[in-house]
Amino acid sequence: MNSSPVRAIILFFTAVILIGTLLLCLPFSRQSGAVFSVLTCLFTATSAVCVTGLSVVDIGTYYTTFGQWVILFLIQVGGLGYMLVSTGIGILLGKIALKDRKIMQELFDISSFNELFKLLTKIILISLGIELAGAVVLTFIFLKTYPLGQSAYYALFHSISAFCNAGFSVFSTNLEGFSQNAPLLYTLALLIILGGLGFFVLVDLIDKFRGKNIRLTFHSKVVLWMTAGLIVLGFCSFFLSEFIALSLNDNSWFYMTNNAFFQIVSARTAGFNSIPTGLITNFGAFVIIILMFIGAGPGSTAGGVKITTLPLIFVFVRSLLKGDSSYPFAGRNIDIDLIKKSLAVFILMAAFVLASMTALLWTERNLEPLKVIFESVSACCTVGLSLGITSSVSDIGRIVLILSMFIGRVGTVTVLIYLMNSKSMQGNIKYPDAKVLIA
């Protein structure tokens, strides 16, 4: 396989991480008195580029304003993602081969390469427009507490961090200090949801609103229904399991509802927390682990196996149990190749998470297993939520987390590109059928 798109993705993300690490290593990137560590800077840069949000230090007190701007830039680059990077560079420099262009056209479901350039331009404008709108709204919200300049900075930082599903915050306790601020929580939740829908769904929705298309694509409908379903199911499960944590200090039902909703929206993709994660029950942590693994929409700023994978696997299992040779879903028939690719993504992601989990459990034998498992899934699925052990992880464990974040962000994409290019083998050798008992 011609691996130029894969190579472009890996090299670009590696280069951005290294540049970010060097910038964060500069003396004026750290506050005076902050203990310098190359590994800390590498961890922060990787987490930012991979839009994860895990951090071994408090970025609000460890890094200066310059350092925080570097982190924000890395989040933005990572948030726009591989398709703007590898494909965009290929367009501008003319370095993508014709064979690879066909792969990209399949991946992005467009009819010509010129349309891809227009799509990328539209994606950039939509992303910046949503982030700017979010920053304006958040500025007015922060103005109730901070002066204009500080409010505008906080607003821009958190708007980009939310839309890119990064979960970074300049506040020491993340968003716990704003748990009573419903407008802020719902504004950030909306930005997180929009960033998690996927760029193609956003373009589809805008074209529908402007009257350019009669109906939404089947892909957009699946993503929207799955997003709504996971939010509702996640909210109900989390609210019931975390009633004690949410009702801390005799908080009202309004407070509990707001924070349960925000936490579930954030848990799938972003990694912000408005309630102390140390109070989350084992069942609540398990619910979040499942949501982190699922993730959000394809082509979005989020990680995980993506929400379109689950219904396709369900369709496959249902047809298998019914003995049906077709794969009907919502009035459409799903192609078997798409089913196979979904299964491959799910299995490879599960194997990757299991490998990372095993390595981290081995390196962090002194920490609670559930917290270690939670941390590993959070890193692999580029979410960023933690049960409070990130700063306690050993240097070897931090390296495991760095690799997990990088592979979780870049690896699944390269697998998809490879699958798009794979073809069934047409060999002359016919092997005899084998029968193996499975139950």
Protein backbone atom coordinates (compact mmCIF):
# COMPACT_ATOMS: atom_id res chain seq x y z
CA MET A 1 0.00 0.00 0.00
CA ASN A 2 1.16 3.51 -0.77
CA SER A 3 1.35 4.84 2.78
CA SER A 4 1.84 8.57 2.11
CA PRO A 5 -1.39 9.68 3.87
CA VAL A 6 -0.58 7.51 6.87
CA ARG A 7 3.01 8.75 6.92
CA ALA A 8 1.84 12.37 6.60
CA ILE A 9 -0.51 11.99 9.56
CA ILE A 10 2.08 10.38 11.84
CA LEU A 11 4.93 12.72 10.88
CA PHE A 12 2.83 15.86 11.17
CA PHE A 13 1.41 15.02 14.59
CA THR A 14 4.85 13.93 15.80
CA ALA A 15 6.40 17.18 14.55
CA VAL A 16 3.70 19.32 16.18
CA ILE A 17 4.12 17.48 19.48
CA LEU A 18 7.91 17.93 19.40
CA ILE A 19 7.62 21.62 18.53
CA GLY A 20 5.06 22.08 21.28
CA THR A 21 7.34 20.30 23.74
CA LEU A 22 10.26 22.56 22.85
CA LEU A 23 8.12 25.68 23.26
CA LEU A 24 6.81 24.50 26.62
CA CYS A 25 10.39 23.78 27.72
CA LEU A 26 11.34 27.44 27.28
CA PRO A 27 11.94 29.22 30.61
CA PHE A 28 9.28 31.86 29.95
CA SER A 29 6.66 29.14 29.36
CA ARG A 30 6.76 28.19 33.04
CA GLN A 31 5.92 30.16 36.13
CA SER A 32 8.86 31.08 38.34
CA GLY A 33 9.48 28.33 40.85
CA ALA A 34 7.84 25.63 38.71
CA VAL A 35 9.94 22.45 38.66
CA PHE A 36 11.19 21.85 35.12
CA SER A 37 10.70 18.44 33.51
CA VAL A 38 10.99 17.54 29.83
CA LEU A 39 8.64 14.60 30.41
CA THR A 40 6.02 16.95 31.86
CA CYS A 41 6.25 19.22 28.82
CA LEU A 42 6.10 16.23 26.46
CA PHE A 43 3.07 14.86 28.31
CA THR A 44 1.26 18.22 28.14
CA ALA A 45 2.08 18.74 24.45
CA THR A 46 0.93 15.23 23.52
CA SER A 47 -2.27 15.62 25.53
CA ALA A 48 -2.98 18.96 23.83
CA VAL A 49 -2.29 17.82 20.26
CA CYS A 50 -4.25 14.63 20.82
CA VAL A 51 -7.03 16.77 22.38
CA THR A 52 -7.11 14.58 25.46
CA GLY A 53 -6.90 16.92 28.45
CA LEU A 54 -4.91 14.76 30.87
CA SER A 55 -2.22 16.74 32.68
CA VAL A 56 0.32 15.90 35.36
CA VAL A 57 0.45 19.56 36.45
CA ASP A 58 -2.04 22.39 36.93
CA ILE A 59 -1.61 24.29 33.68
CA GLY A 60 -3.13 27.42 35.20
CA THR A 61 -0.36 27.72 37.81
CA TYR A 62 2.49 25.78 36.18
CA TYR A 63 2.52 27.53 32.79
CA THR A 64 2.66 31.24 32.06
CA THR A 65 0.24 32.98 29.72
CA PHE A 66 2.67 32.27 26.86
CA GLY A 67 2.74 28.59 27.78
CA GLN A 68 -1.04 28.50 27.90
CA TRP A 69 -1.24 30.10 24.44
CA VAL A 70 1.10 27.36 23.18
CA ILE A 71 -1.24 24.73 24.65
CA LEU A 72 -4.24 26.45 23.05
CA PHE A 73 -2.52 26.44 19.66
CA LEU A 74 -1.72 22.73 20.01
CA ILE A 75 -5.34 22.01 20.93
CA GLN A 76 -6.56 23.85 17.83
CA VAL A 77 -4.21 21.98 15.53
CA GLY A 78 -5.14 18.65 17.07
CA GLY A 79 -8.84 19.49 17.07
CA LEU A 80 -9.06 20.22 13.36
CA GLY A 81 -7.44 16.85 12.97
CA TYR A 82 -5.70 14.70 10.49
CA MET A 83 -7.93 15.39 7.51
CA LEU A 84 -7.07 19.09 7.45
CA VAL A 85 -3.42 18.27 7.98
CA SER A 86 -2.50 15.36 5.74
CA THR A 87 -5.05 16.06 3.01
CA GLY A 88 -4.65 19.84 3.10
CA ILE A 89 -0.88 19.66 2.81
CA GLY A 90 -1.24 17.17 -0.01
CA ILE A 91 -3.52 19.55 -1.91
CA LEU A 92 -1.28 22.57 -1.48
CA LEU A 93 1.96 20.77 -2.29
CA GLY A 94 0.54 18.29 -4.79
CA LYS A 95 2.15 15.38 -2.97
CA ILE A 96 -0.78 12.99 -2.72
CA ALA A 97 -0.74 10.28 -5.36
CA LEU A 98 -3.82 9.55 -7.48
CA LYS A 99 -4.33 6.23 -5.72
CA ASP A 100 -4.33 7.94 -2.33
CA ARG A 101 -6.68 10.64 -3.58
CA LYS A 102 -9.22 7.92 -4.36
CA ILE A 103 -8.83 6.59 -0.83
CA MET A 104 -9.45 10.04 0.62
CA GLN A 105 -12.48 10.51 -1.64
CA GLU A 106 -13.92 7.24 -0.31
CA LEU A 107 -13.15 8.24 3.26
CA PHE A 108 -14.83 11.65 2.95
CA ASP A 109 -17.65 10.57 0.59
CA ILE A 110 -17.12 13.22 -2.06
CA SER A 111 -17.22 12.92 -5.84
CA SER A 112 -14.15 14.96 -6.83
CA PHE A 113 -10.92 16.15 -5.33
CA ASN A 114 -11.84 19.78 -5.99
CA GLU A 115 -14.87 19.27 -3.78
CA LEU A 116 -12.54 18.04 -1.05
CA PHE A 117 -10.67 21.34 -1.08
CA LYS A 118 -13.96 23.25 -0.81
CA LEU A 119 -15.05 20.94 1.99
CA LEU A 120 -11.84 21.54 3.94
CA THR A 121 -12.23 25.30 3.56
CA LYS A 122 -15.83 25.09 4.75
CA ILE A 123 -14.78 22.95 7.73
CA ILE A 124 -12.19 25.52 8.82
CA LEU A 125 -14.67 28.41 8.54
CA ILE A 126 -17.39 26.50 10.40
CA SER A 127 -15.00 25.45 13.17
CA LEU A 128 -13.61 28.94 13.70
CA GLY A 129 -17.10 30.43 13.51
CA ILE A 130 -18.48 28.10 16.20
CA GLU A 131 -15.46 28.72 18.44
CA LEU A 132 -15.78 32.48 18.01
CA ALA A 133 -19.51 32.43 18.76
CA GLY A 134 -18.85 30.31 21.84
CA ALA A 135 -16.11 32.68 22.98
CA VAL A 136 -18.45 35.70 22.68
CA VAL A 137 -21.16 34.03 24.76
CA LEU A 138 -18.66 32.82 27.37
CA THR A 139 -17.12 36.30 27.60
CA PHE A 140 -20.43 37.75 28.78
CA ILE A 141 -20.77 34.89 31.27
CA PHE A 142 -17.25 35.37 32.68
CA LEU A 143 -17.77 39.16 32.86
CA LYS A 144 -19.89 38.62 35.95
CA THR A 145 -16.75 37.51 37.78
CA TYR A 146 -13.69 38.80 35.91
CA PRO A 147 -12.63 41.99 34.06
CA LEU A 148 -13.09 42.20 30.29
CA GLY A 149 -9.57 41.20 29.21
CA GLN A 150 -9.43 38.22 31.53
CA SER A 151 -12.97 37.20 30.65
CA ALA A 152 -12.22 37.27 26.92
CA TYR A 153 -9.10 35.13 27.42
CA TYR A 154 -10.87 32.57 29.59
CA ALA A 155 -13.76 32.51 27.12
CA LEU A 156 -11.55 31.90 24.07
CA PHE A 157 -9.50 29.22 25.82
CA HIS A 158 -12.49 27.25 27.05
CA SER A 159 -14.46 27.69 23.82
CA ILE A 160 -11.66 26.17 21.74
CA SER A 161 -10.98 23.51 24.37
CA ALA A 162 -14.68 22.55 24.46
CA PHE A 163 -15.30 22.49 20.70
CA CYS A 164 -12.08 20.52 20.14
CA ASN A 165 -13.19 18.18 22.94
CA ALA A 166 -9.87 18.70 24.73
CA GLY A 167 -11.06 19.28 28.29
CA PHE A 168 -8.17 21.56 29.25
CA SER A 169 -8.99 24.34 31.70
CA VAL A 170 -6.85 27.10 33.18
CA PHE A 171 -8.67 26.73 36.51
CA SER A 172 -7.03 24.55 39.16
CA THR A 173 -10.19 22.55 39.87
CA ASN A 174 -11.25 22.44 36.22
CA LEU A 175 -14.91 23.62 36.20
CA GLU A 176 -15.84 22.58 39.73
CA GLY A 177 -15.93 26.26 40.72
CA PHE A 178 -18.66 26.86 38.12
CA SER A 179 -20.94 23.98 39.05
CA GLN A 180 -23.66 26.51 39.98
CA ASN A 181 -23.28 28.43 36.71
CA ALA A 182 -25.89 26.85 34.43
CA PRO A 183 -25.34 29.20 31.42
CA LEU A 184 -21.63 28.34 31.35
CA LEU A 185 -22.24 24.59 31.69
CA TYR A 186 -24.84 24.48 28.91
CA THR A 187 -22.79 26.69 26.59
CA LEU A 188 -19.76 24.43 26.99
CA ALA A 189 -21.98 21.34 26.64
CA LEU A 190 -23.33 22.65 23.32
CA LEU A 191 -19.79 23.31 22.06
CA ILE A 192 -18.74 19.79 23.10
CA ILE A 193 -21.74 18.23 21.32
CA LEU A 194 -21.12 20.23 18.13
CA GLY A 195 -17.45 19.27 18.13
CA GLY A 196 -18.38 15.63 18.68
CA LEU A 197 -20.93 15.40 15.87
CA GLY A 198 -18.27 15.40 13.20
CA PHE A 199 -17.40 17.99 10.60
CA PHE A 200 -19.46 16.29 7.89
CA VAL A 201 -22.60 16.31 10.02
CA LEU A 202 -22.06 20.00 10.78
CA VAL A 203 -21.69 20.78 7.07
CA ASP A 204 -24.81 18.72 6.35
CA LEU A 205 -26.81 20.54 9.03
CA ILE A 206 -25.72 23.97 7.79
CA ASP A 207 -26.52 23.07 4.18
CA LYS A 208 -29.93 21.83 5.32
CA PHE A 209 -30.56 25.05 7.25
CA ARG A 210 -29.56 27.12 4.21
CA GLY A 211 -31.83 25.08 1.94
CA LYS A 212 -29.01 23.52 -0.10
CA ASN A 213 -30.24 19.98 0.52
CA ILE A 214 -33.73 18.59 0.94
CA ARG A 215 -32.95 16.07 3.65
CA LEU A 216 -30.09 15.07 5.90
CA THR A 217 -27.83 12.24 4.82
CA PHE A 218 -28.33 8.81 6.34
CA HIS A 219 -24.95 9.18 8.11
CA SER A 220 -26.03 12.44 9.75
CA LYS A 221 -29.29 10.91 10.95
CA VAL A 222 -27.48 7.96 12.53
CA VAL A 223 -24.98 10.24 14.29
CA LEU A 224 -27.68 12.58 15.59
CA TRP A 225 -29.93 9.78 16.87
CA MET A 226 -27.01 7.92 18.49
CA THR A 227 -25.75 11.12 20.11
CA ALA A 228 -29.16 11.89 21.57
CA GLY A 229 -29.66 8.31 22.71
CA LEU A 230 -26.29 8.05 24.47
CA ILE A 231 -26.81 11.40 26.21
CA VAL A 232 -30.26 10.36 27.50
CA LEU A 233 -29.18 6.87 28.62
CA GLY A 234 -25.93 8.18 30.08
CA PHE A 235 -27.71 10.98 31.94
CA CYS A 236 -30.27 8.64 33.52
CA SER A 237 -27.63 6.12 34.59
CA PHE A 238 -25.24 8.74 35.93
CA PHE A 239 -27.91 10.75 37.73
CA LEU A 240 -29.20 7.69 39.58
CA SER A 241 -25.76 6.33 40.46
CA GLU A 242 -24.27 9.69 41.51
CA PHE A 243 -27.19 11.05 43.47
CA ILE A 244 -25.10 11.39 46.65
CA ALA A 245 -22.22 13.19 44.90
CA LEU A 246 -24.61 15.51 43.05
CA SER A 247 -26.67 16.29 46.15
CA LEU A 248 -23.58 17.28 48.15
CA ASN A 249 -24.23 20.25 50.46
CA ASP A 250 -28.00 19.91 49.90
CA ASN A 251 -27.83 21.07 46.30
CA SER A 252 -31.09 21.58 44.44
CA TRP A 253 -32.54 19.28 41.79
CA PHE A 254 -31.77 21.99 39.24
CA TYR A 255 -28.09 21.90 40.22
CA MET A 256 -27.99 18.09 40.13
CA THR A 257 -29.67 17.92 36.72
CA ASN A 258 -27.34 20.53 35.21
CA ASN A 259 -24.18 18.85 36.43
CA ALA A 260 -25.30 15.32 35.60
CA PHE A 261 -26.11 16.44 32.05
CA PHE A 262 -22.84 18.33 31.66
CA GLN A 263 -20.76 15.49 33.08
CA ILE A 264 -22.27 12.90 30.74
CA VAL A 265 -21.84 15.16 27.68
CA SER A 266 -18.23 15.76 28.70
CA ALA A 267 -17.56 12.11 29.54
CA ARG A 268 -18.00 10.83 25.98
CA THR A 269 -15.48 13.16 24.41
CA ALA A 270 -14.22 16.21 26.28
CA GLY A 271 -12.98 15.51 29.80
CA PHE A 272 -14.18 18.56 31.69
CA ASN A 273 -15.52 17.95 35.17
CA SER A 274 -17.91 20.15 37.13
CA ILE A 275 -18.17 17.81 40.13
CA PRO A 276 -15.27 16.27 42.09
CA THR A 277 -14.32 13.06 40.26
CA GLY A 278 -13.15 11.56 43.55
CA LEU A 279 -16.79 11.31 44.65
CA ILE A 280 -17.89 9.26 41.64
CA THR A 281 -19.08 5.75 42.55
CA ASN A 282 -17.71 2.57 40.96
CA PHE A 283 -20.88 2.19 38.88
CA GLY A 284 -20.67 5.81 37.76
CA ALA A 285 -17.04 5.31 36.76
CA PHE A 286 -18.04 2.19 34.80
CA VAL A 287 -20.74 4.15 32.94
CA ILE A 288 -18.18 6.80 32.02
CA ILE A 289 -15.67 4.15 30.87
CA ILE A 290 -18.27 2.76 28.46
CA LEU A 291 -19.10 6.24 27.14
CA MET A 292 -15.40 7.09 26.73
CA PHE A 293 -14.83 3.90 24.74
CA ILE A 294 -17.78 4.64 22.45
CA GLY A 295 -16.75 8.26 21.81
CA ALA A 296 -18.54 10.49 19.33
CA GLY A 297 -19.06 10.91 15.59
CA PRO A 298 -16.59 10.01 12.81
CA GLY A 299 -14.59 12.92 11.46
CA SER A 300 -15.02 14.74 14.76
CA THR A 301 -12.59 16.06 17.34
CA ALA A 302 -13.34 13.09 19.62
CA GLY A 303 -11.79 9.66 20.04
CA GLY A 304 -13.22 6.22 20.81
CA VAL A 305 -14.59 3.65 18.38
CA LYS A 306 -17.16 6.21 17.15
CA ILE A 307 -20.91 6.03 17.63
CA THR A 308 -21.66 4.77 14.10
CA THR A 309 -19.70 1.58 14.80
CA LEU A 310 -22.11 0.31 17.45
CA PRO A 311 -25.32 0.20 15.36
CA LEU A 312 -23.47 -1.54 12.52
CA ILE A 313 -22.21 -4.24 14.90
CA PHE A 314 -25.74 -4.57 16.31
CA VAL A 315 -27.10 -5.01 12.78
CA PHE A 316 -24.51 -7.72 12.11
CA VAL A 317 -25.29 -9.65 15.30
CA ARG A 318 -29.05 -9.36 14.76
CA SER A 319 -28.83 -10.66 11.18
CA LEU A 320 -26.50 -13.44 12.31
CA LEU A 321 -28.92 -14.61 15.00
CA LYS A 322 -31.87 -14.44 12.58
CA GLY A 323 -29.96 -16.26 9.86
CA ASP A 324 -30.47 -13.30 7.52
CA SER A 325 -28.00 -12.87 4.66
CA SER A 326 -28.73 -9.13 4.40
CA TYR A 327 -28.09 -6.38 6.94
CA PRO A 328 -31.13 -4.05 7.08
CA PHE A 329 -30.97 -0.95 9.24
CA ALA A 330 -33.51 1.90 9.39
CA GLY A 331 -34.90 1.14 5.95
CA ARG A 332 -31.48 0.73 4.35
CA ASN A 333 -29.22 -2.24 3.68
CA ILE A 334 -25.72 -2.01 5.11
CA ASP A 335 -22.93 -3.26 2.85
CA ILE A 336 -21.02 -6.24 4.23
CA ASP A 337 -17.68 -4.49 3.69
CA LEU A 338 -18.82 -1.66 5.96
CA ILE A 339 -19.81 -4.23 8.59
CA LYS A 340 -16.38 -5.86 8.37
CA LYS A 341 -14.60 -2.54 8.74
CA SER A 342 -16.71 -1.63 11.77
CA LEU A 343 -15.89 -4.95 13.41
CA ALA A 344 -12.19 -4.47 12.63
CA VAL A 345 -12.17 -0.98 14.17
CA PHE A 346 -14.01 -2.21 17.27
CA ILE A 347 -11.75 -5.24 17.79
CA LEU A 348 -8.52 -3.32 17.17
CA MET A 349 -9.58 -0.51 19.50
CA ALA A 350 -10.56 -3.00 22.20
CA ALA A 351 -7.22 -4.80 21.84
CA PHE A 352 -5.34 -1.49 22.00
CA VAL A 353 -7.18 -0.39 25.14
CA LEU A 354 -6.58 -3.80 26.74
CA ALA A 355 -2.85 -3.61 25.96
CA SER A 356 -2.56 -0.09 27.37
CA MET A 357 -4.59 -1.07 30.42
CA THR A 358 -2.37 -4.08 31.07
CA ALA A 359 0.82 -2.04 30.77
CA LEU A 360 -0.45 0.68 33.11
CA LEU A 361 -1.69 -1.83 35.67
CA TRP A 362 1.79 -3.36 35.66
CA THR A 363 3.61 -0.04 36.09
CA GLU A 364 1.19 1.41 38.65
CA ARG A 365 0.73 -1.53 41.02
CA ASN A 366 0.45 0.81 44.00
CA LEU A 367 -2.67 2.56 42.67
CA GLU A 368 -6.29 1.40 42.77
CA PRO A 369 -7.02 -0.86 39.75
CA LEU A 370 -10.30 0.85 38.83
CA LYS A 371 -8.63 4.27 38.78
CA VAL A 372 -5.80 2.90 36.62
CA ILE A 373 -8.25 1.29 34.19
CA PHE A 374 -10.25 4.53 34.05
CA GLU A 375 -7.06 6.51 33.33
CA SER A 376 -6.00 4.12 30.59
CA VAL A 377 -9.35 4.21 28.77
CA SER A 378 -9.41 7.99 29.10
CA ALA A 379 -5.98 8.26 27.44
CA CYS A 380 -6.64 5.70 24.69
CA CYS A 381 -9.96 7.29 23.77
CA THR A 382 -8.51 10.83 24.10
CA VAL A 383 -11.11 11.97 26.64
CA GLY A 384 -9.05 13.39 29.51
CA LEU A 385 -11.18 12.58 32.53
CA SER A 386 -9.31 11.24 35.54
CA LEU A 387 -10.16 9.93 38.98
CA GLY A 388 -7.31 12.01 40.35
CA ILE A 389 -4.24 9.82 39.79
CA THR A 390 -2.60 11.49 36.76
CA SER A 391 -0.03 13.42 38.81
CA SER A 392 0.72 10.27 40.85
CA VAL A 393 1.58 8.10 37.85
CA SER A 394 5.24 7.07 37.58
CA ASP A 395 7.52 8.22 34.76
CA ILE A 396 7.17 4.87 33.00
CA GLY A 397 3.41 5.08 33.43
CA ARG A 398 3.43 8.58 31.94
CA ILE A 399 5.25 7.26 28.90
CA VAL A 400 2.56 4.58 28.57
CA LEU A 401 -0.11 7.29 28.73
CA ILE A 402 1.75 9.42 26.15
CA LEU A 403 1.87 6.49 23.72
CA SER A 404 -1.78 5.68 24.46
CA MET A 405 -2.90 9.23 23.68
CA PHE A 406 -0.85 9.37 20.48
CA ILE A 407 -1.96 6.00 19.16
CA GLY A 408 -5.54 6.64 20.25
CA ARG A 409 -5.63 9.84 18.23
CA VAL A 410 -3.62 8.79 15.17
CA GLY A 411 -3.79 5.01 15.13
CA THR A 412 -7.49 4.47 14.49
CA VAL A 413 -7.38 6.91 11.58
CA THR A 414 -4.48 5.15 9.90
CA VAL A 415 -6.30 1.85 10.34
CA LEU A 416 -9.35 3.32 8.61
CA ILE A 417 -7.25 4.56 5.69
CA TYR A 418 -5.63 1.15 5.43
CA LEU A 419 -9.02 -0.56 5.44
CA MET A 420 -10.26 1.82 2.76
CA ASN A 421 -7.35 0.70 0.58
CA SER A 422 -7.54 -3.01 1.36
CA LYS A 423 -8.94 -5.38 -1.24
CA SER A 424 -9.99 -8.97 -0.95
CA MET A 425 -7.26 -11.36 -2.01
CA GLN A 426 -7.91 -13.01 -5.35
CA GLY A 427 -5.56 -15.95 -5.14
CA ASN A 428 -5.51 -19.20 -7.08
CA ILE A 429 -5.15 -21.33 -3.97
CA LYS A 430 -8.37 -22.66 -2.53
CA TYR A 431 -8.04 -23.84 1.04
CA PRO A 432 -10.40 -26.44 2.53
CA ASP A 433 -13.09 -25.20 4.92
CA ALA A 434 -12.41 -25.63 8.63
CA LYS A 435 -14.90 -26.21 11.41
CA VAL A 436 -14.22 -25.01 14.96
CA LEU A 437 -16.53 -25.25 17.96
CA ILE A 438 -17.24 -21.88 19.63
CA ALA A 439 -19.84 -22.89 22.20
